[in-house]
């Protein structure tokens, strides 16, 4: 743990968890920012297969301004523009996102499009040829946002936004701290409304991310504490999840774990810096975007262990920390390169993923081997994972090597 200089950041938010959190706290949360027109953004499945939107309307009364339930998987640009038009027509002054990561990200984009005068294609992250990528500053005040996640997702209190647009060769990316939520509701019934396959996929993304976070050495005391507790919550809940699907406490713990990891990053923990233990975010995102049938969790689990096995050298202290947390550390693993512990962690993760029903090889997703080069090419324009730090050639070569190993 580092004891030297470090920075930490805090953001205004309130979190409400438990049974009837919506009924007990939502109206007051909306009133706290003097909002008069609260507009719900969600997917068709949330509005048609659950009673969450009806509960929100009943809780808000005349503060409820309507709903747009057309948000599509991966936050498509078309569905976000439609939601923006609907929110504008409803004269919304507050947005309530109800759903998983796609909906929560979409609500941030709606807030940006409502407030910013610039063309969406000009204010998004730019990738100029031969130059580093950059994100334009988005200065206009944004309408307040309340998030009611139905799955554990790291999107719940972030400020980054990525939209799928089939007309482009990369996602439309935006970053605006003013789109962070003023409140988050971890409502028992809302979390239990997610079907087994979805909750398993999103929980995998959270758990895998925290494995990588554990491998980051030298974190300041704030980040280190959040990451350690987040992993313990996620590990305990993840291995029990599919056996206790009706237990809201496990879903809440996974959501809190995602929240704590986000807070650790706000307090200085770098993102995606767990080396081989982090898998490969750019590869997983490319798989998820190119093949809509592949969930983010599945795209993560199929490359996670392979990334560790490909590592030629691993920081021994990081490897020991992860191996101890997973429960596979043994005497004699403390070699000079840490690979013995990394291999043990890889085997353990594959066993955990298999037991919970997640794929561990690309071929299990029916992805043709001759399409791997195209997937590797898609990894270049991903600001979170690269931001121009490596050449496109190096990024593609590394990605293709991992994909071939994971196939």
Protein backbone atom coordinates (compact mmCIF):
# COMPACT_ATOMS: atom_id res chain seq x y z
CA UNK A 1 0.00 0.00 0.00
CA UNK A 2 1.34 3.41 -0.96
CA UNK A 3 1.90 5.94 1.79
CA UNK A 4 3.11 8.83 -0.37
CA UNK A 5 1.24 11.57 -2.20
CA UNK A 6 -2.08 10.78 -3.84
CA UNK A 7 -5.30 12.42 -4.99
CA UNK A 8 -8.91 11.48 -4.26
CA UNK A 9 -12.19 12.81 -5.61
CA UNK A 10 -15.71 12.80 -4.22
CA UNK A 11 -19.00 13.35 -6.02
CA UNK A 12 -22.44 14.19 -4.62
CA UNK A 13 -24.63 11.09 -4.54
CA UNK A 14 -27.09 9.26 -2.35
CA UNK A 15 -27.63 5.53 -2.34
CA UNK A 16 -30.84 3.80 -1.25
CA UNK A 17 -30.96 0.02 -0.89
CA UNK A 18 -33.41 -2.62 0.23
CA UNK A 19 -37.05 -3.59 -0.07
CA UNK A 20 -39.38 -0.82 -1.32
CA UNK A 21 -36.50 1.60 -1.82
CA UNK A 22 -38.44 3.21 -4.67
CA UNK A 23 -41.60 3.77 -2.64
CA UNK A 24 -39.73 4.98 0.42
CA UNK A 25 -37.21 7.36 -1.11
CA UNK A 26 -37.71 8.23 -4.80
CA UNK A 27 -40.12 11.15 -4.43
CA UNK A 28 -37.84 12.85 -1.91
CA UNK A 29 -34.80 12.31 -4.13
CA UNK A 30 -36.56 14.02 -7.05
CA UNK A 31 -37.76 16.86 -4.84
CA UNK A 32 -34.24 17.37 -3.46
CA UNK A 33 -33.17 18.92 -6.76
CA UNK A 34 -36.50 20.71 -7.24
CA UNK A 35 -37.30 18.68 -10.34
CA UNK A 36 -40.87 18.84 -11.63
CA UNK A 37 -40.75 16.59 -14.71
CA UNK A 38 -39.07 13.22 -14.03
CA UNK A 39 -38.79 11.15 -17.22
CA UNK A 40 -38.05 7.40 -17.23
CA UNK A 41 -35.68 5.82 -19.76
CA UNK A 42 -35.71 2.02 -20.02
CA UNK A 43 -35.78 -0.98 -22.34
CA UNK A 44 -38.91 -2.73 -23.64
CA UNK A 45 -38.31 -5.70 -21.32
CA UNK A 46 -38.28 -3.50 -18.21
CA UNK A 47 -41.53 -1.75 -19.08
CA UNK A 48 -43.40 -4.82 -20.33
CA UNK A 49 -42.14 -7.64 -18.13
CA UNK A 50 -41.76 -5.90 -14.77
CA UNK A 51 -43.78 -3.47 -12.68
CA UNK A 52 -40.86 -1.14 -11.94
CA UNK A 53 -42.05 1.74 -14.13
CA UNK A 54 -45.55 1.51 -12.65
CA UNK A 55 -44.04 1.63 -9.16
CA UNK A 56 -42.07 4.75 -10.12
CA UNK A 57 -45.16 6.44 -11.51
CA UNK A 58 -47.14 5.64 -8.36
CA UNK A 59 -44.33 6.91 -6.13
CA UNK A 60 -43.88 10.20 -8.02
CA UNK A 61 -47.45 11.15 -8.76
CA UNK A 62 -47.58 14.45 -10.66
CA UNK A 63 -43.77 14.58 -10.81
CA UNK A 64 -43.86 11.69 -13.31
CA UNK A 65 -43.46 13.08 -16.85
CA UNK A 66 -43.57 9.88 -18.90
CA UNK A 67 -41.40 7.06 -20.19
CA UNK A 68 -39.42 6.06 -23.26
CA UNK A 69 -39.00 2.28 -23.30
CA UNK A 70 -37.15 1.91 -26.59
CA UNK A 71 -33.52 1.71 -25.47
CA UNK A 72 -31.77 -1.08 -27.34
CA UNK A 73 -28.92 -3.38 -26.30
CA UNK A 74 -25.52 -1.64 -26.30
CA UNK A 75 -27.15 1.82 -26.17
CA UNK A 76 -27.65 2.31 -29.90
CA UNK A 77 -27.43 5.85 -31.26
CA UNK A 78 -30.83 5.57 -32.93
CA UNK A 79 -32.65 4.55 -29.75
CA UNK A 80 -30.89 7.27 -27.75
CA UNK A 81 -31.91 9.95 -30.25
CA UNK A 82 -35.51 8.74 -30.03
CA UNK A 83 -35.36 8.88 -26.22
CA UNK A 84 -33.89 12.39 -26.42
CA UNK A 85 -36.75 13.56 -28.61
CA UNK A 86 -39.30 12.00 -26.23
CA UNK A 87 -37.68 13.57 -23.16
CA UNK A 88 -37.58 16.96 -24.87
CA UNK A 89 -41.27 16.70 -25.81
CA UNK A 90 -42.09 15.79 -22.19
CA UNK A 91 -40.12 18.85 -20.99
CA UNK A 92 -38.09 16.59 -18.73
CA UNK A 93 -35.85 18.22 -16.14
CA UNK A 94 -34.69 14.93 -14.56
CA UNK A 95 -33.97 11.50 -16.06
CA UNK A 96 -34.53 8.17 -14.31
CA UNK A 97 -32.64 5.26 -15.89
CA UNK A 98 -34.15 1.86 -15.10
CA UNK A 99 -32.25 -1.17 -16.34
CA UNK A 100 -28.78 -2.53 -16.95
CA UNK A 101 -25.66 -0.89 -18.28
CA UNK A 102 -27.08 -0.17 -21.74
CA UNK A 103 -29.98 1.85 -20.32
CA UNK A 104 -27.87 3.68 -17.75
CA UNK A 105 -25.33 4.66 -20.41
CA UNK A 106 -28.16 5.70 -22.73
CA UNK A 107 -29.58 8.04 -20.09
CA UNK A 108 -26.23 9.80 -19.86
CA UNK A 109 -26.26 10.28 -23.63
CA UNK A 110 -29.81 11.62 -23.49
CA UNK A 111 -28.68 14.18 -20.89
CA UNK A 112 -25.79 15.22 -23.13
CA UNK A 113 -27.93 15.51 -26.26
CA UNK A 114 -30.59 17.49 -24.40
CA UNK A 115 -28.05 20.01 -23.15
CA UNK A 116 -25.26 20.32 -25.72
CA UNK A 117 -25.82 22.40 -28.84
CA UNK A 118 -23.06 20.71 -30.83
CA UNK A 119 -23.52 17.98 -33.40
CA UNK A 120 -23.29 14.53 -31.72
CA UNK A 121 -20.60 13.49 -34.18
CA UNK A 122 -18.46 16.54 -33.45
CA UNK A 123 -18.68 16.44 -29.64
CA UNK A 124 -17.87 12.72 -29.36
CA UNK A 125 -14.34 11.36 -28.84
CA UNK A 126 -12.27 12.00 -31.95
CA UNK A 127 -9.71 9.68 -33.52
CA UNK A 128 -7.65 11.88 -35.89
CA UNK A 129 -5.41 9.94 -38.25
CA UNK A 130 -1.88 9.65 -36.88
CA UNK A 131 -2.69 11.57 -33.68
CA UNK A 132 -3.82 10.61 -30.15
CA UNK A 133 -7.54 10.31 -29.51
CA UNK A 134 -9.17 13.10 -27.52
CA UNK A 135 -12.57 13.79 -25.95
CA UNK A 136 -14.02 17.30 -26.41
CA UNK A 137 -15.10 19.07 -23.22
CA UNK A 138 -18.87 19.16 -22.75
CA UNK A 139 -19.53 22.28 -20.72
CA UNK A 140 -23.33 22.76 -20.75
CA UNK A 141 -25.23 22.02 -17.49
CA UNK A 142 -26.97 18.63 -17.66
CA UNK A 143 -30.35 17.51 -16.30
CA UNK A 144 -30.09 15.48 -13.11
CA UNK A 145 -30.02 11.68 -13.37
CA UNK A 146 -31.23 8.97 -11.00
CA UNK A 147 -30.16 5.39 -11.70
CA UNK A 148 -32.22 2.35 -10.73
CA UNK A 149 -30.07 -0.59 -11.90
CA UNK A 150 -31.67 -3.98 -12.48
CA UNK A 151 -28.27 -5.67 -12.71
CA UNK A 152 -24.92 -5.12 -10.99
CA UNK A 153 -23.11 -2.81 -13.40
CA UNK A 154 -20.10 -0.54 -13.22
CA UNK A 155 -22.08 1.92 -15.36
CA UNK A 156 -24.21 2.95 -12.39
CA UNK A 157 -21.97 5.80 -11.19
CA UNK A 158 -19.57 6.56 -14.01
CA UNK A 159 -19.35 9.52 -16.36
CA UNK A 160 -18.33 7.82 -19.62
CA UNK A 161 -20.78 7.06 -22.40
CA UNK A 162 -20.39 4.72 -25.38
CA UNK A 163 -23.07 4.29 -28.05
CA UNK A 164 -23.28 1.65 -30.75
CA UNK A 165 -23.70 3.03 -34.26
CA UNK A 166 -23.68 0.55 -37.17
CA UNK A 167 -22.80 3.37 -39.57
CA UNK A 168 -19.42 3.91 -37.89
CA UNK A 169 -16.39 1.68 -37.46
CA UNK A 170 -16.24 2.44 -33.71
CA UNK A 171 -18.47 3.44 -30.82
CA UNK A 172 -19.59 7.01 -30.29
CA UNK A 173 -17.83 7.92 -27.02
CA UNK A 174 -18.46 10.83 -24.68
CA UNK A 175 -17.17 11.82 -21.26
CA UNK A 176 -18.93 14.27 -18.95
CA UNK A 177 -18.67 14.24 -15.13
CA UNK A 178 -21.93 16.19 -14.99
CA UNK A 179 -23.79 13.04 -16.05
CA UNK A 180 -22.97 11.24 -12.83
CA UNK A 181 -26.16 10.32 -10.95
CA UNK A 182 -27.44 12.30 -8.01
CA UNK A 183 -28.89 9.09 -6.54
CA UNK A 184 -28.72 5.31 -7.02
CA UNK A 185 -31.50 2.94 -5.98
CA UNK A 186 -30.64 -0.71 -5.28
CA UNK A 187 -34.24 -1.82 -4.95
CA UNK A 188 -34.71 -5.51 -4.10
CA UNK A 189 -37.56 -6.14 -6.54
CA UNK A 190 -35.88 -4.21 -9.37
CA UNK A 191 -32.69 -6.24 -8.97
CA UNK A 192 -34.62 -9.52 -8.78
CA UNK A 193 -36.42 -8.68 -12.03
CA UNK A 194 -33.35 -9.44 -14.15
CA UNK A 195 -33.50 -12.97 -15.68
CA UNK A 196 -30.86 -15.58 -14.74
CA UNK A 197 -28.82 -15.35 -17.95
CA UNK A 198 -28.57 -11.58 -17.72
CA UNK A 199 -27.69 -11.42 -14.04
CA UNK A 200 -25.04 -14.12 -14.55
CA UNK A 201 -23.44 -12.21 -17.42
CA UNK A 202 -23.34 -8.84 -15.66
CA UNK A 203 -22.14 -10.41 -12.41
CA UNK A 204 -19.28 -12.01 -14.34
CA UNK A 205 -18.17 -8.62 -15.64
CA UNK A 206 -18.12 -7.21 -12.10
CA UNK A 207 -16.29 -10.20 -10.62
CA UNK A 208 -13.69 -10.37 -13.40
CA UNK A 209 -12.99 -6.65 -13.13
CA UNK A 210 -12.28 -6.98 -9.44
CA UNK A 211 -9.84 -9.84 -10.03
CA UNK A 212 -7.86 -7.41 -12.17
CA UNK A 213 -8.21 -4.64 -9.60
CA UNK A 214 -6.64 -6.84 -6.91
CA UNK A 215 -3.49 -7.11 -9.01
CA UNK A 216 -2.87 -3.37 -8.85
CA UNK A 217 -0.09 -2.75 -6.33
CA UNK A 218 0.68 0.52 -4.60
CA UNK A 219 -2.90 1.79 -4.37
CA UNK A 220 -3.53 4.52 -1.84
CA UNK A 221 -5.35 3.52 1.39
CA UNK A 222 -8.75 4.69 0.15
CA UNK A 223 -8.62 2.79 -3.13
CA UNK A 224 -7.03 -0.27 -1.58
CA UNK A 225 -9.75 -0.54 1.05
CA UNK A 226 -12.58 -0.18 -1.45
CA UNK A 227 -11.07 -2.69 -3.88
CA UNK A 228 -10.38 -5.28 -1.21
CA UNK A 229 -13.88 -5.16 0.22
CA UNK A 230 -15.44 -5.02 -3.24
CA UNK A 231 -13.67 -8.23 -4.21
CA UNK A 232 -14.78 -10.03 -1.04
CA UNK A 233 -18.40 -9.03 -1.63
CA UNK A 234 -18.30 -10.00 -5.30
CA UNK A 235 -16.47 -13.31 -4.81
CA UNK A 236 -18.83 -14.51 -2.11
CA UNK A 237 -21.95 -13.50 -4.04
CA UNK A 238 -20.77 -14.67 -7.46
CA UNK A 239 -20.04 -18.28 -6.54
CA UNK A 240 -23.49 -18.57 -4.88
CA UNK A 241 -25.52 -16.58 -7.37
CA UNK A 242 -26.97 -19.29 -9.61
CA UNK A 243 -27.87 -21.46 -6.62
CA UNK A 244 -29.71 -18.59 -4.89
CA UNK A 245 -31.38 -16.68 -7.69
CA UNK A 246 -34.17 -15.46 -5.40
CA UNK A 247 -31.77 -13.97 -2.86
CA UNK A 248 -31.74 -10.15 -3.31
CA UNK A 249 -28.80 -9.77 -0.91
CA UNK A 250 -26.41 -11.42 -3.39
CA UNK A 251 -27.46 -9.11 -6.21
CA UNK A 252 -27.17 -6.11 -3.92
CA UNK A 253 -23.68 -7.16 -2.82
CA UNK A 254 -22.59 -7.47 -6.45
CA UNK A 255 -23.99 -4.02 -7.19
CA UNK A 256 -22.23 -2.53 -4.17
CA UNK A 257 -19.00 -4.21 -5.28
CA UNK A 258 -19.28 -2.49 -8.66
CA UNK A 259 -19.99 0.81 -6.93
CA UNK A 260 -16.96 0.45 -4.64
CA UNK A 261 -14.65 -0.33 -7.56
CA UNK A 262 -15.84 2.84 -9.29
CA UNK A 263 -15.15 4.80 -6.12
CA UNK A 264 -11.67 3.28 -5.90
CA UNK A 265 -10.96 4.60 -9.38
CA UNK A 266 -12.22 8.04 -8.38
CA UNK A 267 -9.74 7.90 -5.52
CA UNK A 268 -6.81 7.20 -7.79
CA UNK A 269 -6.82 3.51 -8.71
CA UNK A 270 -5.99 3.23 -12.43
CA UNK A 271 -8.48 1.43 -14.65
CA UNK A 272 -7.51 -1.71 -16.60
CA UNK A 273 -4.02 -1.76 -15.05
CA UNK A 274 -4.12 -5.23 -13.53
CA UNK A 275 -1.93 -6.65 -16.28
CA UNK A 276 -2.80 -10.18 -17.32
CA UNK A 277 -5.24 -10.48 -14.42
CA UNK A 278 -7.49 -7.87 -16.07
CA UNK A 279 -8.07 -9.94 -19.17
CA UNK A 280 -8.38 -7.59 -22.15
CA UNK A 281 -11.12 -4.95 -22.09
CA UNK A 282 -10.65 -3.91 -25.71
CA UNK A 283 -10.96 -7.50 -26.98
CA UNK A 284 -13.99 -8.23 -24.80
CA UNK A 285 -15.71 -5.02 -25.92
CA UNK A 286 -15.03 -5.81 -29.58
CA UNK A 287 -16.55 -9.29 -29.20
CA UNK A 288 -19.58 -7.85 -27.44
CA UNK A 289 -20.13 -5.16 -30.10
CA UNK A 290 -19.50 -7.27 -33.21
CA UNK A 291 -21.63 -10.20 -32.05
CA UNK A 292 -24.83 -8.84 -30.44
CA UNK A 293 -25.71 -12.31 -29.13
CA UNK A 294 -22.59 -12.27 -26.93
CA UNK A 295 -23.05 -10.64 -23.53
CA UNK A 296 -20.35 -8.54 -21.90
CA UNK A 297 -19.79 -11.20 -19.26
CA UNK A 298 -19.39 -13.95 -21.83
CA UNK A 299 -17.00 -11.78 -23.84
CA UNK A 300 -14.97 -11.36 -20.65
CA UNK A 301 -14.93 -14.96 -19.41
CA UNK A 302 -13.72 -16.42 -22.74
CA UNK A 303 -10.45 -14.45 -22.71
CA UNK A 304 -9.77 -13.94 -18.99
CA UNK A 305 -7.81 -17.12 -18.23
CA UNK A 306 -6.05 -17.09 -21.60
CA UNK A 307 -4.68 -13.60 -20.93
CA UNK A 308 -3.05 -14.91 -17.74
CA UNK A 309 -1.60 -17.95 -19.48
CA UNK A 310 -0.04 -15.78 -22.18
CA UNK A 311 1.78 -13.58 -19.68
CA UNK A 312 5.52 -14.14 -19.92
CA UNK A 313 6.19 -12.48 -16.60
CA UNK A 314 3.88 -11.36 -13.81
CA UNK A 315 4.69 -9.16 -10.83
CA UNK A 316 5.18 -11.78 -8.06
CA UNK A 317 3.53 -9.70 -5.34
CA UNK A 318 0.49 -9.06 -7.52
CA UNK A 319 0.22 -12.73 -8.44
CA UNK A 320 0.41 -13.76 -4.80
CA UNK A 321 -2.23 -11.25 -3.78
CA UNK A 322 -4.73 -12.53 -6.36
CA UNK A 323 -3.91 -16.19 -5.73
CA UNK A 324 -4.44 -15.77 -1.99
CA UNK A 325 -7.76 -14.00 -2.53
CA UNK A 326 -8.99 -16.76 -4.87
CA UNK A 327 -7.72 -19.41 -2.45
CA UNK A 328 -5.14 -21.13 -4.67
CA UNK A 329 -1.84 -19.86 -3.23
CA UNK A 330 0.56 -22.65 -2.31
CA UNK A 331 4.10 -22.73 -0.92
CA UNK A 332 6.62 -22.71 -3.74
CA UNK A 333 4.66 -20.39 -6.02
CA UNK A 334 6.74 -17.36 -5.10
CA UNK A 335 9.11 -17.63 -8.05
CA UNK A 336 10.86 -14.65 -9.66
CA UNK A 337 8.27 -14.16 -12.41
CA UNK A 338 4.95 -14.95 -10.71
CA UNK A 339 3.73 -17.18 -13.53
CA UNK A 340 3.06 -20.23 -11.33
CA UNK A 341 0.54 -18.30 -9.28
CA UNK A 342 -0.95 -16.73 -12.41
CA UNK A 343 -1.49 -20.16 -13.96
CA UNK A 344 -3.15 -21.39 -10.77
CA UNK A 345 -5.48 -18.39 -10.79
CA UNK A 346 -6.30 -19.03 -14.46
CA UNK A 347 -7.25 -22.63 -13.71
CA UNK A 348 -9.35 -21.57 -10.71
CA UNK A 349 -11.20 -18.92 -12.71
CA UNK A 350 -12.00 -21.37 -15.48
CA UNK A 351 -13.42 -23.76 -12.90
CA UNK A 352 -15.53 -20.98 -11.34
CA UNK A 353 -16.80 -19.78 -14.71
CA UNK A 354 -17.63 -23.33 -15.82
CA UNK A 355 -19.48 -24.10 -12.59
CA UNK A 356 -21.64 -20.98 -12.91
CA UNK A 357 -22.33 -21.75 -16.58
CA UNK A 358 -20.10 -19.22 -18.36
CA UNK A 359 -18.03 -20.03 -21.48
CA UNK A 360 -14.25 -20.15 -21.23
CA UNK A 361 -13.32 -20.56 -24.92
CA UNK A 362 -14.29 -18.56 -27.98
CA UNK A 363 -15.43 -21.64 -29.87
CA UNK A 364 -18.19 -22.07 -27.26
CA UNK A 365 -19.67 -18.82 -28.59
CA UNK A 366 -19.71 -20.18 -32.17
CA UNK A 367 -17.34 -17.47 -33.38
CA UNK A 368 -15.57 -18.60 -36.58
CA UNK A 369 -11.82 -18.68 -36.31
CA UNK A 370 -11.41 -16.89 -39.64
CA UNK A 371 -13.18 -13.83 -38.17
CA UNK A 372 -10.68 -13.30 -35.36
CA UNK A 373 -8.57 -10.84 -37.37
CA UNK A 374 -11.62 -8.62 -37.85
CA UNK A 375 -12.28 -8.70 -34.11
CA UNK A 376 -8.67 -7.72 -33.42
CA UNK A 377 -8.99 -4.78 -35.80
CA UNK A 378 -12.02 -3.52 -33.85
CA UNK A 379 -9.92 -3.10 -30.67
CA UNK A 380 -7.99 -0.06 -31.91
CA UNK A 381 -10.63 2.64 -31.39
CA UNK A 382 -11.41 2.10 -27.72
CA UNK A 383 -10.47 5.17 -25.71
CA UNK A 384 -10.73 3.50 -22.28
CA UNK A 385 -8.38 0.68 -23.22
CA UNK A 386 -5.83 2.46 -25.37
CA UNK A 387 -6.26 6.26 -25.78
CA UNK A 388 -3.47 6.28 -28.35
CA UNK A 389 -0.91 4.76 -25.97
CA UNK A 390 0.09 2.06 -28.47
CA UNK A 391 0.32 1.86 -32.22
CA UNK A 392 -2.60 0.30 -34.03
CA UNK A 393 -0.32 -2.46 -35.29
CA UNK A 394 0.82 -3.41 -31.79
CA UNK A 395 -2.73 -3.33 -30.44
CA UNK A 396 -4.02 -5.59 -33.23
CA UNK A 397 -1.13 -8.04 -32.94
CA UNK A 398 -1.61 -8.44 -29.18
CA UNK A 399 -5.36 -8.83 -29.58
CA UNK A 400 -5.06 -11.44 -32.30
CA UNK A 401 -2.59 -13.47 -30.25
CA UNK A 402 -5.02 -13.52 -27.34
CA UNK A 403 -8.00 -14.39 -29.55
CA UNK A 404 -6.14 -17.29 -31.16
CA UNK A 405 -5.16 -18.61 -27.73
CA UNK A 406 -8.69 -18.25 -26.38
CA UNK A 407 -10.32 -19.88 -29.40
